[in-house]
Amino acid sequence: MAETENLKQCSLYLVQYVPDIVRGEFLNIGLFLFSPDENYLGCLFTDDFRRIKRFHPQADLEFLRELQQDFEQQIDEHSDELDSYVGWMEQSFSNLVQIGPVRSCLLRDPAAEIQDLFKRYVGARTEGPLPVDTRVRVKQRLRLSFVRAGLWNLPQFERNIRASRWTHSGDPFTFDFGYRPPEIAGMPNGHIKLIHSLSLKRDIELAKVLVYTMDHVRRSEPADLTAVVEDLASKEGEAATLSQSILTEAGITIQPIAFADEYAQSIRRELAM
């Protein structure tokens, strides 16, 4: 019974490449995995383009290469309404790329098990599992930790916080998350704590934006910012080292995504849950 209670009801959608609608022949090129319990929607697409070329020599490989990044971005943009996005997705794909009928499955850890499902239904990726080295993937992994920690729907845990509160009217920048711990005697709480995801090696300009924005925030009120990143910079990574230096010199805390679960639990404790 305990084993069954730990399983989560998930929906699996295979993504099919259908170059000739009339003939109806297709090739599985990816999948979506949706777990309502964890507010998780993952996607994974093939990088075996030689296999696609064998199936359809005229395939537009540039279009197919962009599917992973495009859908990751769409999922991120709809993270507060994944049910609606999944419904739209089921109705909207009917041409070159189609979504197969939903399959139900019970999984213990959907985000981890998506790799096994991909191998089973699509085939192994030639470059192995996708690395968590982009802002969108870091943010998705962080969001999952917040959901599992019970933070996601708390009224005191904010999402998409507009920087224009502190900077200038019309400023489009938003912090990913934030919260304000209760004031407790003898503890330095009560001020806002902001959280933003980025990749150290890919997002140098974003690191600079964070420094600029936090300068304005701190002019208005005491505030902390934690930058959640793929990993700490190594000596070999010049770009990542530069981003890390920009953030740390501005008093911004850096949190590697590998410790996202522990970080989420620390926020629970701060909020006195």
C-alpha atoms as a PDB file:
ATOM      1  CA  MET A   1       0.000   0.000   0.000  1.00  0.00           C
ATOM      2  CA  ALA A   2       2.802   2.447   0.928  1.00  0.00           C
ATOM      3  CA  GLU A   3       4.485   1.799  -2.429  1.00  0.00           C
ATOM      4  CA  THR A   4       1.265   2.599  -4.295  1.00  0.00           C
ATOM      5  CA  GLU A   5       0.714   5.777  -2.287  1.00  0.00           C
ATOM      6  CA  ASN A   6       4.072   7.108  -3.484  1.00  0.00           C
ATOM      7  CA  LEU A   7       3.119   6.713  -7.155  1.00  0.00           C
ATOM      8  CA  LYS A   8       1.781   9.670  -9.110  1.00  0.00           C
ATOM      9  CA  GLN A   9      -0.812   9.510 -11.845  1.00  0.00           C
ATOM     10  CA  CYS A  10       0.797  10.898 -15.010  1.00  0.00           C
ATOM     11  CA  SER A  11      -0.177  11.475 -18.620  1.00  0.00           C
ATOM     12  CA  LEU A  12       2.224  10.536 -21.392  1.00  0.00           C
ATOM     13  CA  TYR A  13       1.946  12.022 -24.895  1.00  0.00           C
ATOM     14  CA  LEU A  14       4.126  10.775 -27.734  1.00  0.00           C
ATOM     15  CA  VAL A  15       5.153  13.386 -30.305  1.00  0.00           C
ATOM     16  CA  GLN A  16       4.987  12.074 -33.862  1.00  0.00           C
ATOM     17  CA  TYR A  17       6.635  13.380 -37.020  1.00  0.00           C
ATOM     18  CA  VAL A  18       4.139  12.956 -39.892  1.00  0.00           C
ATOM     19  CA  PRO A  19       5.663  14.238 -43.171  1.00  0.00           C
ATOM     20  CA  ASP A  20       2.774  12.964 -45.323  1.00  0.00           C
ATOM     21  CA  ILE A  21      -0.642  13.416 -43.729  1.00  0.00           C
ATOM     22  CA  VAL A  22      -2.379  11.412 -46.485  1.00  0.00           C
ATOM     23  CA  ARG A  23      -0.216   8.321 -46.036  1.00  0.00           C
ATOM     24  CA  GLY A  24      -0.324   8.697 -42.259  1.00  0.00           C
ATOM     25  CA  GLU A  25       3.134   7.192 -41.666  1.00  0.00           C
ATOM     26  CA  PHE A  26       4.863   8.622 -38.608  1.00  0.00           C
ATOM     27  CA  LEU A  27       8.007   8.453 -36.507  1.00  0.00           C
ATOM     28  CA  ASN A  28       8.072   9.021 -32.755  1.00  0.00           C
ATOM     29  CA  ILE A  29      10.441  11.954 -32.178  1.00  0.00           C
ATOM     30  CA  GLY A  30       9.660  13.019 -28.619  1.00  0.00           C
ATOM     31  CA  LEU A  31       7.273  12.981 -25.709  1.00  0.00           C
ATOM     32  CA  PHE A  32       5.542  15.111 -23.099  1.00  0.00           C
ATOM     33  CA  LEU A  33       5.033  13.872 -19.533  1.00  0.00           C
ATOM     34  CA  PHE A  34       2.489  15.626 -17.320  1.00  0.00           C
ATOM     35  CA  SER A  35       2.160  15.137 -13.562  1.00  0.00           C
ATOM     36  CA  PRO A  36      -0.662  17.289 -12.097  1.00  0.00           C
ATOM     37  CA  ASP A  37       0.375  16.295  -8.561  1.00  0.00           C
ATOM     38  CA  GLU A  38       3.776  17.907  -9.013  1.00  0.00           C
ATOM     39  CA  ASN A  39       2.765  20.675 -11.416  1.00  0.00           C
ATOM     40  CA  TYR A  40       5.335  19.151 -13.740  1.00  0.00           C
ATOM     41  CA  LEU A  41       5.279  19.068 -17.530  1.00  0.00           C
ATOM     42  CA  GLY A  42       8.451  17.730 -19.080  1.00  0.00           C
ATOM     43  CA  CYS A  43       9.367  17.327 -22.715  1.00  0.00           C
ATOM     44  CA  LEU A  44      12.149  15.433 -24.421  1.00  0.00           C
ATOM     45  CA  PHE A  45      12.943  15.294 -28.138  1.00  0.00           C
ATOM     46  CA  THR A  46      15.282  13.161 -30.192  1.00  0.00           C
ATOM     47  CA  ASP A  47      18.671  14.353 -31.348  1.00  0.00           C
ATOM     48  CA  ASP A  48      19.108  11.367 -33.677  1.00  0.00           C
ATOM     49  CA  PHE A  49      18.607  13.314 -36.898  1.00  0.00           C
ATOM     50  CA  ARG A  50      20.203  10.635 -39.066  1.00  0.00           C
ATOM     51  CA  ARG A  51      17.298   8.375 -38.113  1.00  0.00           C
ATOM     52  CA  ILE A  52      14.837  11.097 -39.148  1.00  0.00           C
ATOM     53  CA  LYS A  53      16.671  11.573 -42.464  1.00  0.00           C
ATOM     54  CA  ARG A  54      16.415   7.862 -43.175  1.00  0.00           C
ATOM     55  CA  PHE A  55      12.676   8.048 -42.516  1.00  0.00           C
ATOM     56  CA  HIS A  56      12.186  11.257 -44.520  1.00  0.00           C
ATOM     57  CA  PRO A  57      15.149  12.511 -46.613  1.00  0.00           C
ATOM     58  CA  GLN A  58      13.496  15.938 -47.124  1.00  0.00           C
ATOM     59  CA  ALA A  59      13.022  16.574 -43.389  1.00  0.00           C
ATOM     60  CA  ASP A  60      13.592  20.155 -42.186  1.00  0.00           C
ATOM     61  CA  LEU A  61      16.225  19.408 -39.563  1.00  0.00           C
ATOM     62  CA  GLU A  62      16.577  23.036 -38.442  1.00  0.00           C
ATOM     63  CA  PHE A  63      12.893  23.077 -37.510  1.00  0.00           C
ATOM     64  CA  LEU A  64      13.192  19.765 -35.685  1.00  0.00           C
ATOM     65  CA  ARG A  65      16.336  20.831 -33.801  1.00  0.00           C
ATOM     66  CA  GLU A  66      14.466  23.804 -32.350  1.00  0.00           C
ATOM     67  CA  LEU A  67      11.560  21.805 -30.923  1.00  0.00           C
ATOM     68  CA  GLN A  68      13.249  21.041 -27.584  1.00  0.00           C
ATOM     69  CA  GLN A  69      14.096  24.652 -26.811  1.00  0.00           C
ATOM     70  CA  ASP A  70      10.802  26.006 -28.174  1.00  0.00           C
ATOM     71  CA  PHE A  71       8.627  23.690 -26.103  1.00  0.00           C
ATOM     72  CA  GLU A  72      10.735  24.148 -22.963  1.00  0.00           C
ATOM     73  CA  GLN A  73      10.177  27.886 -23.283  1.00  0.00           C
ATOM     74  CA  GLN A  74       6.438  27.448 -23.799  1.00  0.00           C
ATOM     75  CA  ILE A  75       6.165  25.193 -20.756  1.00  0.00           C
ATOM     76  CA  ASP A  76       8.012  27.760 -18.662  1.00  0.00           C
ATOM     77  CA  GLU A  77       5.739  30.571 -19.852  1.00  0.00           C
ATOM     78  CA  HIS A  78       2.644  28.521 -18.903  1.00  0.00           C
ATOM     79  CA  SER A  79       3.943  27.150 -15.597  1.00  0.00           C
ATOM     80  CA  ASP A  80       1.038  28.700 -13.684  1.00  0.00           C
ATOM     81  CA  GLU A  81      -1.552  27.110 -15.987  1.00  0.00           C
ATOM     82  CA  LEU A  82      -0.161  23.766 -17.064  1.00  0.00           C
ATOM     83  CA  ASP A  83      -3.594  22.084 -17.137  1.00  0.00           C
ATOM     84  CA  SER A  84      -4.823  24.626 -19.684  1.00  0.00           C
ATOM     85  CA  TYR A  85      -1.631  24.375 -21.720  1.00  0.00           C
ATOM     86  CA  VAL A  86      -1.889  20.578 -21.888  1.00  0.00           C
ATOM     87  CA  GLY A  87      -5.505  20.930 -23.056  1.00  0.00           C
ATOM     88  CA  TRP A  88      -4.450  23.378 -25.757  1.00  0.00           C
ATOM     89  CA  MET A  89      -1.600  21.079 -26.776  1.00  0.00           C
ATOM     90  CA  GLU A  90      -3.961  18.118 -27.212  1.00  0.00           C
ATOM     91  CA  GLN A  91      -6.118  20.126 -29.642  1.00  0.00           C
ATOM     92  CA  SER A  92      -3.489  22.084 -31.566  1.00  0.00           C
ATOM     93  CA  PHE A  93      -1.086  19.641 -33.205  1.00  0.00           C
ATOM     94  CA  SER A  94      -2.451  18.197 -36.437  1.00  0.00           C
ATOM     95  CA  ASN A  95       0.063  18.696 -39.245  1.00  0.00           C
ATOM     96  CA  LEU A  96       3.781  17.919 -39.527  1.00  0.00           C
ATOM     97  CA  VAL A  97       4.146  17.390 -35.766  1.00  0.00           C
ATOM     98  CA  GLN A  98       1.296  15.588 -34.022  1.00  0.00           C
ATOM     99  CA  ILE A  99       0.499  14.486 -30.482  1.00  0.00           C
ATOM    100  CA  GLY A 100      -0.522  10.862 -30.018  1.00  0.00           C
ATOM    101  CA  PRO A 101      -3.381   9.732 -27.759  1.00  0.00           C
ATOM    102  CA  VAL A 102      -2.777  10.186 -24.038  1.00  0.00           C
ATOM    103  CA  ARG A 103      -1.392   7.203 -22.139  1.00  0.00           C
ATOM    104  CA  SER A 104      -1.795   6.945 -18.374  1.00  0.00           C
ATOM    105  CA  CYS A 105       1.076   5.789 -16.201  1.00  0.00           C
ATOM    106  CA  LEU A 106       1.988   5.634 -12.509  1.00  0.00           C
ATOM    107  CA  LEU A 107       5.433   6.990 -11.679  1.00  0.00           C
ATOM    108  CA  ARG A 108       7.358   7.596  -8.502  1.00  0.00           C
ATOM    109  CA  ASP A 109       9.533  10.445  -9.822  1.00  0.00           C
ATOM    110  CA  PRO A 110       8.245  11.748 -13.198  1.00  0.00           C
ATOM    111  CA  ALA A 111      11.132  14.174 -13.769  1.00  0.00           C
ATOM    112  CA  ALA A 112      13.671  11.368 -13.342  1.00  0.00           C
ATOM    113  CA  GLU A 113      11.711   8.636 -15.100  1.00  0.00           C
ATOM    114  CA  ILE A 114      11.055  10.652 -18.263  1.00  0.00           C
ATOM    115  CA  GLN A 115      14.451   9.455 -19.534  1.00  0.00           C
ATOM    116  CA  ASP A 116      13.446   5.773 -19.267  1.00  0.00           C
ATOM    117  CA  LEU A 117      10.126   6.445 -20.982  1.00  0.00           C
ATOM    118  CA  PHE A 118      11.932   8.234 -23.790  1.00  0.00           C
ATOM    119  CA  LYS A 119      14.274   5.298 -24.368  1.00  0.00           C
ATOM    120  CA  ARG A 120      11.321   2.914 -24.423  1.00  0.00           C
ATOM    121  CA  TYR A 121       9.087   4.811 -26.836  1.00  0.00           C
ATOM    122  CA  VAL A 122      11.461   6.986 -28.885  1.00  0.00           C
ATOM    123  CA  GLY A 123      14.999   5.656 -28.505  1.00  0.00           C
ATOM    124  CA  ALA A 124      18.178   6.718 -26.763  1.00  0.00           C
ATOM    125  CA  ARG A 125      19.456  10.241 -27.387  1.00  0.00           C
ATOM    126  CA  THR A 126      22.819  10.228 -29.145  1.00  0.00           C
ATOM    127  CA  GLU A 127      24.221  12.837 -26.735  1.00  0.00           C
ATOM    128  CA  GLY A 128      22.690  11.295 -23.612  1.00  0.00           C
ATOM    129  CA  PRO A 129      20.337  12.999 -21.115  1.00  0.00           C
ATOM    130  CA  LEU A 130      19.790  16.734 -21.452  1.00  0.00           C
ATOM    131  CA  PRO A 131      22.109  18.646 -19.108  1.00  0.00           C
ATOM    132  CA  VAL A 132      20.557  21.096 -16.643  1.00  0.00           C
ATOM    133  CA  ASP A 133      22.573  23.972 -18.082  1.00  0.00           C
ATOM    134  CA  THR A 134      19.987  26.472 -19.317  1.00  0.00           C
ATOM    135  CA  ARG A 135      17.925  28.967 -17.360  1.00  0.00           C
ATOM    136  CA  VAL A 136      14.656  27.242 -18.321  1.00  0.00           C
ATOM    137  CA  ARG A 137      15.848  23.808 -17.152  1.00  0.00           C
ATOM    138  CA  VAL A 138      17.261  25.193 -13.901  1.00  0.00           C
ATOM    139  CA  LYS A 139      13.985  26.982 -13.253  1.00  0.00           C
ATOM    140  CA  GLN A 140      11.902  23.894 -13.955  1.00  0.00           C
ATOM    141  CA  ARG A 141      14.005  21.787 -11.575  1.00  0.00           C
ATOM    142  CA  LEU A 142      13.722  24.503  -8.913  1.00  0.00           C
ATOM    143  CA  ARG A 143       9.968  24.798  -9.407  1.00  0.00           C
ATOM    144  CA  LEU A 144       9.605  21.052  -8.878  1.00  0.00           C
ATOM    145  CA  SER A 145      11.460  21.299  -5.562  1.00  0.00           C
ATOM    146  CA  PHE A 146       9.187  24.118  -4.434  1.00  0.00           C
ATOM    147  CA  VAL A 147       6.087  22.095  -5.332  1.00  0.00           C
ATOM    148  CA  ARG A 148       7.359  19.037  -3.461  1.00  0.00           C
ATOM    149  CA  ALA A 149       8.148  21.172  -0.412  1.00  0.00           C
ATOM    150  CA  GLY A 150       4.581  22.482  -0.321  1.00  0.00           C
ATOM    151  CA  LEU A 151       5.571  26.070  -1.121  1.00  0.00           C
ATOM    152  CA  TRP A 152       3.993  26.507  -4.543  1.00  0.00           C
ATOM    153  CA  ASN A 153       0.489  27.563  -3.532  1.00  0.00           C
ATOM    154  CA  LEU A 154       1.310  29.375  -0.297  1.00  0.00           C
ATOM    155  CA  PRO A 155       0.023  32.974  -0.327  1.00  0.00           C
ATOM    156  CA  GLN A 156       3.300  34.230   1.157  1.00  0.00           C
ATOM    157  CA  PHE A 157       5.318  32.558  -1.625  1.00  0.00           C
ATOM    158  CA  GLU A 158       5.169  34.853  -4.659  1.00  0.00           C
ATOM    159  CA  ARG A 159       5.822  34.096  -8.302  1.00  0.00           C
ATOM    160  CA  ASN A 160       6.724  36.404 -11.228  1.00  0.00           C
ATOM    161  CA  ILE A 161       7.502  39.432  -9.065  1.00  0.00           C
ATOM    162  CA  ARG A 162       7.683  42.631 -11.096  1.00  0.00           C
ATOM    163  CA  ALA A 163      10.873  44.618 -10.657  1.00  0.00           C
ATOM    164  CA  SER A 164       8.923  47.795 -11.417  1.00  0.00           C
ATOM    165  CA  ARG A 165       7.884  47.773  -7.742  1.00  0.00           C
ATOM    166  CA  TRP A 166      11.360  49.143  -7.068  1.00  0.00           C
ATOM    167  CA  THR A 167      12.824  50.325 -10.386  1.00  0.00           C
ATOM    168  CA  HIS A 168      10.833  52.235 -12.996  1.00  0.00           C
ATOM    169  CA  SER A 169       7.309  52.059 -14.344  1.00  0.00           C
ATOM    170  CA  GLY A 170       7.243  49.789 -17.368  1.00  0.00           C
ATOM    171  CA  ASP A 171      10.312  47.772 -16.380  1.00  0.00           C
ATOM    172  CA  PRO A 172       9.561  44.337 -17.935  1.00  0.00           C
ATOM    173  CA  PHE A 173      11.922  42.352 -15.707  1.00  0.00           C
ATOM    174  CA  THR A 174      10.381  39.915 -13.232  1.00  0.00           C
ATOM    175  CA  PHE A 175      12.018  37.873 -10.492  1.00  0.00           C
ATOM    176  CA  ASP A 176      11.052  34.205 -10.637  1.00  0.00           C
ATOM    177  CA  PHE A 177      10.056  33.814  -6.985  1.00  0.00           C
ATOM    178  CA  GLY A 178      10.156  35.555  -3.636  1.00  0.00           C
ATOM    179  CA  TYR A 179       8.890  35.461  -0.078  1.00  0.00           C
ATOM    180  CA  ARG A 180       8.965  37.521   3.089  1.00  0.00           C
ATOM    181  CA  PRO A 181       9.663  35.518   6.271  1.00  0.00           C
ATOM    182  CA  PRO A 182       7.684  36.583   9.352  1.00  0.00           C
ATOM    183  CA  GLU A 183       9.375  38.930  11.764  1.00  0.00           C
ATOM    184  CA  ILE A 184      10.649  36.983  14.764  1.00  0.00           C
ATOM    185  CA  ALA A 185      12.408  38.622  17.689  1.00  0.00           C
ATOM    186  CA  GLY A 186      16.160  38.096  17.555  1.00  0.00           C
ATOM    187  CA  MET A 187      16.154  36.872  13.938  1.00  0.00           C
ATOM    188  CA  PRO A 188      17.022  38.973  10.856  1.00  0.00           C
ATOM    189  CA  ASN A 189      13.735  38.216   9.103  1.00  0.00           C
ATOM    190  CA  GLY A 190      10.900  40.322   7.812  1.00  0.00           C
ATOM    191  CA  HIS A 191      12.608  41.575   4.652  1.00  0.00           C
ATOM    192  CA  ILE A 192      11.933  40.282   1.188  1.00  0.00           C
ATOM    193  CA  LYS A 193      13.983  37.422  -0.219  1.00  0.00           C
ATOM    194  CA  LEU A 194      14.010  37.122  -3.999  1.00  0.00           C
ATOM    195  CA  ILE A 195      14.972  34.094  -6.112  1.00  0.00           C
ATOM    196  CA  HIS A 196      15.991  33.954  -9.760  1.00  0.00           C
ATOM    197  CA  SER A 197      17.257  31.159 -12.002  1.00  0.00           C
ATOM    198  CA  LEU A 198      20.041  31.452 -14.541  1.00  0.00           C
ATOM    199  CA  SER A 199      22.894  29.605 -16.180  1.00  0.00           C
ATOM    200  CA  LEU A 200      26.305  30.926 -15.169  1.00  0.00           C
ATOM    201  CA  LYS A 201      27.900  29.930 -18.464  1.00  0.00           C
ATOM    202  CA  ARG A 202      25.088  31.198 -20.701  1.00  0.00           C
ATOM    203  CA  ASP A 203      23.614  34.230 -18.934  1.00  0.00           C
ATOM    204  CA  ILE A 204      26.337  36.799 -18.287  1.00  0.00           C
ATOM    205  CA  GLU A 205      24.047  39.648 -19.381  1.00  0.00           C
ATOM    206  CA  LEU A 206      21.293  38.405 -17.073  1.00  0.00           C
ATOM    207  CA  ALA A 207      23.781  38.404 -14.187  1.00  0.00           C
ATOM    208  CA  LYS A 208      24.457  42.088 -14.897  1.00  0.00           C
ATOM    209  CA  VAL A 209      20.716  42.817 -15.026  1.00  0.00           C
ATOM    210  CA  LEU A 210      20.274  41.164 -11.642  1.00  0.00           C
ATOM    211  CA  VAL A 211      23.000  43.322 -10.102  1.00  0.00           C
ATOM    212  CA  TYR A 212      21.482  46.500 -11.534  1.00  0.00           C
ATOM    213  CA  THR A 213      17.971  45.552 -10.449  1.00  0.00           C
ATOM    214  CA  MET A 214      18.973  44.521  -6.931  1.00  0.00           C
ATOM    215  CA  ASP A 215      20.742  47.849  -6.489  1.00  0.00           C
ATOM    216  CA  HIS A 216      17.384  49.566  -7.025  1.00  0.00           C
ATOM    217  CA  VAL A 217      15.545  47.116  -4.772  1.00  0.00           C
ATOM    218  CA  ARG A 218      17.985  47.662  -1.911  1.00  0.00           C
ATOM    219  CA  ARG A 219      17.682  51.438  -2.219  1.00  0.00           C
ATOM    220  CA  SER A 220      14.003  51.029  -1.337  1.00  0.00           C
ATOM    221  CA  GLU A 221      14.155  48.327   1.348  1.00  0.00           C
ATOM    222  CA  PRO A 222      16.384  45.588   2.792  1.00  0.00           C
ATOM    223  CA  ALA A 223      16.373  42.627   0.408  1.00  0.00           C
ATOM    224  CA  ASP A 224      18.287  39.472  -0.435  1.00  0.00           C
ATOM    225  CA  LEU A 225      18.598  37.668  -3.748  1.00  0.00           C
ATOM    226  CA  THR A 226      19.520  34.040  -4.322  1.00  0.00           C
ATOM    227  CA  ALA A 227      20.623  33.121  -7.835  1.00  0.00           C
ATOM    228  CA  VAL A 228      19.945  29.437  -8.504  1.00  0.00           C
ATOM    229  CA  VAL A 229      22.393  28.109 -11.088  1.00  0.00           C
ATOM    230  CA  GLU A 230      23.380  24.856 -12.784  1.00  0.00           C
ATOM    231  CA  ASP A 231      26.573  24.486 -10.692  1.00  0.00           C
ATOM    232  CA  LEU A 232      29.399  26.528  -9.265  1.00  0.00           C
ATOM    233  CA  ALA A 233      31.906  27.754 -11.835  1.00  0.00           C
ATOM    234  CA  SER A 234      34.998  25.684 -12.559  1.00  0.00           C
ATOM    235  CA  LYS A 235      38.401  27.064 -13.435  1.00  0.00           C
ATOM    236  CA  GLU A 236      37.927  25.933 -17.046  1.00  0.00           C
ATOM    237  CA  GLY A 237      34.703  27.880 -17.520  1.00  0.00           C
ATOM    238  CA  GLU A 238      35.656  31.488 -18.213  1.00  0.00           C
ATOM    239  CA  ALA A 239      32.113  32.695 -18.887  1.00  0.00           C
ATOM    240  CA  ALA A 240      30.708  30.956 -15.801  1.00  0.00           C
ATOM    241  CA  THR A 241      33.520  32.328 -13.638  1.00  0.00           C
ATOM    242  CA  LEU A 242      32.778  35.853 -14.823  1.00  0.00           C
ATOM    243  CA  SER A 243      29.044  35.501 -14.108  1.00  0.00           C
ATOM    244  CA  GLN A 244      29.765  34.095 -10.659  1.00  0.00           C
ATOM    245  CA  SER A 245      32.118  36.976  -9.849  1.00  0.00           C
ATOM    246  CA  ILE A 246      29.558  39.560 -11.003  1.00  0.00           C
ATOM    247  CA  LEU A 247      26.926  38.067  -8.692  1.00  0.00           C
ATOM    248  CA  THR A 248      29.045  37.443  -5.610  1.00  0.00           C
ATOM    249  CA  GLU A 249      30.649  40.900  -5.719  1.00  0.00           C
ATOM    250  CA  ALA A 250      27.119  42.363  -5.577  1.00  0.00           C
ATOM    251  CA  GLY A 251      26.235  40.338  -2.475  1.00  0.00           C
ATOM    252  CA  ILE A 252      23.989  37.903  -4.338  1.00  0.00           C
ATOM    253  CA  THR A 253      23.927  34.366  -2.936  1.00  0.00           C
ATOM    254  CA  ILE A 254      24.571  31.533  -5.387  1.00  0.00           C
ATOM    255  CA  GLN A 255      22.704  28.252  -4.942  1.00  0.00           C
ATOM    256  CA  PRO A 256      23.539  25.221  -7.154  1.00  0.00           C
ATOM    257  CA  ILE A 257      20.445  23.403  -8.429  1.00  0.00           C
ATOM    258  CA  ALA A 258      21.752  20.073  -7.094  1.00  0.00           C
ATOM    259  CA  PHE A 259      20.735  21.265  -3.629  1.00  0.00           C
ATOM    260  CA  ALA A 260      17.316  22.588  -4.644  1.00  0.00           C
ATOM    261  CA  ASP A 261      15.397  20.218  -2.360  1.00  0.00           C
ATOM    262  CA  GLU A 262      17.416  21.263   0.691  1.00  0.00           C
ATOM    263  CA  TYR A 263      17.013  24.910  -0.289  1.00  0.00           C
ATOM    264  CA  ALA A 264      13.241  24.510  -0.542  1.00  0.00           C
ATOM    265  CA  GLN A 265      13.117  22.933   2.895  1.00  0.00           C
ATOM    266  CA  SER A 266      15.118  25.826   4.344  1.00  0.00           C
ATOM    267  CA  ILE A 267      12.470  28.224   2.989  1.00  0.00           C
ATOM    268  CA  ARG A 268       9.775  26.115   4.667  1.00  0.00           C
ATOM    269  CA  ARG A 269      11.568  26.582   7.975  1.00  0.00           C
ATOM    270  CA  GLU A 270      11.904  30.329   7.417  1.00  0.00           C
ATOM    271  CA  LEU A 271       8.195  30.587   6.791  1.00  0.00           C
ATOM    272  CA  ALA A 272       7.611  28.711  10.074  1.00  0.00           C
ATOM    273  CA  MET A 273       5.692  25.912   8.394  1.00  0.00           C
END
